[in-house]
Amino acid sequence: MHHSRLCSMQIDCNVADIDAAARFWAAALGRPVELEHPGSRGNYRQLATLPDEALVQLQCVDHESRVHLDIETDDIDAEVVRLEGLGASVFKKLDRWTVMQAPSGQRFCVVRVQRPGFAENANRWD
């Protein structure tokens, strides 16, 4: 048995200035950039979100700009197997997360638990 839920929206930005991109998305979404958040480091910027909202993080990337989802789980390997059973495939396995691809072509990540309230609000998979 393991648990998982939607964790965040990752805004992948192929830009030279992540701060300019963060300012745009902060204004567009009405959520300020949280520079003191642990998620705002290096090429990453975290937007402030309400406790019951998915996180929104921007990251500099070297591929085309796009948005992808992260699914958080208490067992990455079990969640990857579950998603493979639904037709997803592993695109790249990294030390702390796995990049997957949906049957419809979108890439998404399976990550360790990131947000508070996980135990109360996650889906249970037996």
C-alpha atoms as a PDB file:
ATOM      1  CA  MET A   1       0.000   0.000   0.000  1.00  0.00           C
ATOM      2  CA  HIS A   2       1.146   3.547  -0.752  1.00  0.00           C
ATOM      3  CA  HIS A   3      -0.309   7.043  -1.142  1.00  0.00           C
ATOM      4  CA  SER A   4      -0.050   9.819  -3.734  1.00  0.00           C
ATOM      5  CA  ARG A   5      -1.634  13.102  -4.773  1.00  0.00           C
ATOM      6  CA  LEU A   6      -1.118  16.094  -7.043  1.00  0.00           C
ATOM      7  CA  CYS A   7       1.748  18.097  -5.597  1.00  0.00           C
ATOM      8  CA  SER A   8       2.603  20.972  -7.889  1.00  0.00           C
ATOM      9  CA  MET A   9       2.596  22.644 -11.253  1.00  0.00           C
ATOM     10  CA  GLN A  10       6.103  23.178 -12.553  1.00  0.00           C
ATOM     11  CA  ILE A  11       6.449  26.019 -15.039  1.00  0.00           C
ATOM     12  CA  ASP A  12       9.472  25.080 -17.152  1.00  0.00           C
ATOM     13  CA  CYS A  13      11.063  28.254 -18.535  1.00  0.00           C
ATOM     14  CA  ASN A  14      13.673  28.259 -21.266  1.00  0.00           C
ATOM     15  CA  VAL A  15      14.825  31.776 -20.381  1.00  0.00           C
ATOM     16  CA  ALA A  16      17.972  33.583 -19.340  1.00  0.00           C
ATOM     17  CA  ASP A  17      16.249  35.405 -16.445  1.00  0.00           C
ATOM     18  CA  ILE A  18      14.188  33.197 -14.131  1.00  0.00           C
ATOM     19  CA  ASP A  19      13.361  36.202 -11.946  1.00  0.00           C
ATOM     20  CA  ALA A  20      11.662  38.004 -14.836  1.00  0.00           C
ATOM     21  CA  ALA A  21       9.664  34.867 -15.615  1.00  0.00           C
ATOM     22  CA  ALA A  22       8.740  34.533 -11.930  1.00  0.00           C
ATOM     23  CA  ARG A  23       7.573  38.149 -11.797  1.00  0.00           C
ATOM     24  CA  PHE A  24       5.315  37.563 -14.806  1.00  0.00           C
ATOM     25  CA  TRP A  25       3.733  34.389 -13.385  1.00  0.00           C
ATOM     26  CA  ALA A  26       3.401  35.954  -9.936  1.00  0.00           C
ATOM     27  CA  ALA A  27       1.439  38.838 -11.436  1.00  0.00           C
ATOM     28  CA  ALA A  28      -0.570  36.584 -13.756  1.00  0.00           C
ATOM     29  CA  LEU A  29      -1.602  34.205 -10.952  1.00  0.00           C
ATOM     30  CA  GLY A  30      -1.859  36.755  -8.150  1.00  0.00           C
ATOM     31  CA  ARG A  31       0.681  34.840  -6.063  1.00  0.00           C
ATOM     32  CA  PRO A  32       3.916  36.592  -5.000  1.00  0.00           C
ATOM     33  CA  VAL A  33       7.357  35.069  -5.454  1.00  0.00           C
ATOM     34  CA  GLU A  34       8.629  33.632  -2.165  1.00  0.00           C
ATOM     35  CA  LEU A  35      12.380  34.168  -2.350  1.00  0.00           C
ATOM     36  CA  GLU A  36      12.832  32.904   1.248  1.00  0.00           C
ATOM     37  CA  HIS A  37      11.092  29.586   0.473  1.00  0.00           C
ATOM     38  CA  PRO A  38      13.456  26.571   0.266  1.00  0.00           C
ATOM     39  CA  GLY A  39      12.042  25.967  -3.228  1.00  0.00           C
ATOM     40  CA  SER A  40      13.518  29.291  -4.408  1.00  0.00           C
ATOM     41  CA  ARG A  41      17.136  28.407  -5.015  1.00  0.00           C
ATOM     42  CA  GLY A  42      19.464  28.467  -8.000  1.00  0.00           C
ATOM     43  CA  ASN A  43      17.354  28.131 -11.135  1.00  0.00           C
ATOM     44  CA  TYR A  44      14.081  27.671  -9.192  1.00  0.00           C
ATOM     45  CA  ARG A  45      11.517  30.179  -7.906  1.00  0.00           C
ATOM     46  CA  GLN A  46       8.562  29.306  -5.682  1.00  0.00           C
ATOM     47  CA  LEU A  47       5.279  31.220  -5.757  1.00  0.00           C
ATOM     48  CA  ALA A  48       3.245  31.642  -2.574  1.00  0.00           C
ATOM     49  CA  THR A  49       0.180  29.393  -2.578  1.00  0.00           C
ATOM     50  CA  LEU A  50      -2.583  28.754  -0.106  1.00  0.00           C
ATOM     51  CA  PRO A  51      -2.354  25.578   2.024  1.00  0.00           C
ATOM     52  CA  ASP A  52      -5.066  23.782   0.015  1.00  0.00           C
ATOM     53  CA  GLU A  53      -3.609  24.719  -3.400  1.00  0.00           C
ATOM     54  CA  ALA A  54      -1.030  22.856  -5.431  1.00  0.00           C
ATOM     55  CA  LEU A  55       2.438  24.406  -5.254  1.00  0.00           C
ATOM     56  CA  VAL A  56       3.590  26.500  -8.214  1.00  0.00           C
ATOM     57  CA  GLN A  57       7.303  26.494  -8.955  1.00  0.00           C
ATOM     58  CA  LEU A  58       9.230  27.898 -11.904  1.00  0.00           C
ATOM     59  CA  GLN A  59      12.458  26.352 -13.115  1.00  0.00           C
ATOM     60  CA  CYS A  60      15.016  27.209 -15.785  1.00  0.00           C
ATOM     61  CA  VAL A  61      15.300  24.391 -18.311  1.00  0.00           C
ATOM     62  CA  ASP A  62      17.230  23.712 -21.493  1.00  0.00           C
ATOM     63  CA  HIS A  63      14.242  22.220 -23.355  1.00  0.00           C
ATOM     64  CA  GLU A  64      11.191  24.038 -24.694  1.00  0.00           C
ATOM     65  CA  SER A  65       9.099  25.986 -22.205  1.00  0.00           C
ATOM     66  CA  ARG A  66       6.085  24.055 -20.933  1.00  0.00           C
ATOM     67  CA  VAL A  67       4.135  23.231 -17.791  1.00  0.00           C
ATOM     68  CA  HIS A  68       4.266  19.852 -16.112  1.00  0.00           C
ATOM     69  CA  LEU A  69       2.714  18.291 -13.018  1.00  0.00           C
ATOM     70  CA  ASP A  70       4.429  16.648 -10.072  1.00  0.00           C
ATOM     71  CA  ILE A  71       2.735  13.801  -8.205  1.00  0.00           C
ATOM     72  CA  GLU A  72       3.971  13.419  -4.630  1.00  0.00           C
ATOM     73  CA  THR A  73       4.072  10.023  -2.967  1.00  0.00           C
ATOM     74  CA  ASP A  74       5.312   8.186   0.084  1.00  0.00           C
ATOM     75  CA  ASP A  75       6.716   5.413  -2.179  1.00  0.00           C
ATOM     76  CA  ILE A  76       8.143   6.561  -5.518  1.00  0.00           C
ATOM     77  CA  ASP A  77       8.849   3.040  -6.806  1.00  0.00           C
ATOM     78  CA  ALA A  78       5.313   1.826  -6.034  1.00  0.00           C
ATOM     79  CA  GLU A  79       3.750   4.914  -7.624  1.00  0.00           C
ATOM     80  CA  VAL A  80       5.866   4.468 -10.774  1.00  0.00           C
ATOM     81  CA  VAL A  81       4.673   0.846 -11.029  1.00  0.00           C
ATOM     82  CA  ARG A  82       1.046   1.942 -10.535  1.00  0.00           C
ATOM     83  CA  LEU A  83       1.341   4.589 -13.253  1.00  0.00           C
ATOM     84  CA  GLU A  84       3.079   2.171 -15.621  1.00  0.00           C
ATOM     85  CA  GLY A  85       0.069  -0.106 -15.130  1.00  0.00           C
ATOM     86  CA  LEU A  86      -2.095   2.764 -16.375  1.00  0.00           C
ATOM     87  CA  GLY A  87       0.039   3.110 -19.520  1.00  0.00           C
ATOM     88  CA  ALA A  88       2.695   5.658 -18.519  1.00  0.00           C
ATOM     89  CA  SER A  89       6.371   4.997 -19.159  1.00  0.00           C
ATOM     90  CA  VAL A  90       9.558   6.027 -17.392  1.00  0.00           C
ATOM     91  CA  PHE A  91      11.378   8.750 -19.310  1.00  0.00           C
ATOM     92  CA  LYS A  92      14.255   9.254 -16.855  1.00  0.00           C
ATOM     93  CA  LYS A  93      14.968   7.974 -13.352  1.00  0.00           C
ATOM     94  CA  LEU A  94      16.905  10.400 -11.143  1.00  0.00           C
ATOM     95  CA  ASP A  95      18.165  10.125  -7.567  1.00  0.00           C
ATOM     96  CA  ARG A  96      15.237  11.933  -5.937  1.00  0.00           C
ATOM     97  CA  TRP A  97      12.436  11.689  -8.520  1.00  0.00           C
ATOM     98  CA  THR A  98      11.321   9.922 -11.686  1.00  0.00           C
ATOM     99  CA  VAL A  99      10.276  11.664 -14.904  1.00  0.00           C
ATOM    100  CA  MET A 100       7.438   9.807 -16.593  1.00  0.00           C
ATOM    101  CA  GLN A 101       5.496  10.193 -19.796  1.00  0.00           C
ATOM    102  CA  ALA A 102       1.735   9.759 -20.033  1.00  0.00           C
ATOM    103  CA  PRO A 103       0.276   7.686 -22.891  1.00  0.00           C
ATOM    104  CA  SER A 104      -0.879  11.019 -24.374  1.00  0.00           C
ATOM    105  CA  GLY A 105       2.715  12.339 -24.456  1.00  0.00           C
ATOM    106  CA  GLN A 106       2.872  14.745 -21.501  1.00  0.00           C
ATOM    107  CA  ARG A 107       5.805  14.399 -19.150  1.00  0.00           C
ATOM    108  CA  PHE A 108       5.336  14.605 -15.396  1.00  0.00           C
ATOM    109  CA  CYS A 109       7.385  13.813 -12.303  1.00  0.00           C
ATOM    110  CA  VAL A 110       6.861  11.466  -9.380  1.00  0.00           C
ATOM    111  CA  VAL A 111       8.452  13.060  -6.312  1.00  0.00           C
ATOM    112  CA  ARG A 112       8.744  12.457  -2.575  1.00  0.00           C
ATOM    113  CA  VAL A 113       6.200  14.125  -0.272  1.00  0.00           C
ATOM    114  CA  GLN A 114       6.545  17.917  -0.474  1.00  0.00           C
ATOM    115  CA  ARG A 115       3.485  19.492   1.152  1.00  0.00           C
ATOM    116  CA  PRO A 116       1.892  19.373   4.601  1.00  0.00           C
ATOM    117  CA  GLY A 117      -1.375  17.497   5.033  1.00  0.00           C
ATOM    118  CA  PHE A 118      -0.253  14.608   2.855  1.00  0.00           C
ATOM    119  CA  ALA A 119      -1.480  11.844   5.169  1.00  0.00           C
ATOM    120  CA  GLU A 120      -4.956  13.390   5.450  1.00  0.00           C
ATOM    121  CA  ASN A 121      -5.456  14.228   1.774  1.00  0.00           C
ATOM    122  CA  ALA A 122      -3.580  11.687  -0.351  1.00  0.00           C
ATOM    123  CA  ASN A 123      -5.137   8.859  -2.340  1.00  0.00           C
ATOM    124  CA  ARG A 124      -4.555   5.369  -0.938  1.00  0.00           C
ATOM    125  CA  TRP A 125      -3.492   2.650  -3.359  1.00  0.00           C
ATOM    126  CA  ASP A 126      -3.566  -0.976  -2.221  1.00  0.00           C
END
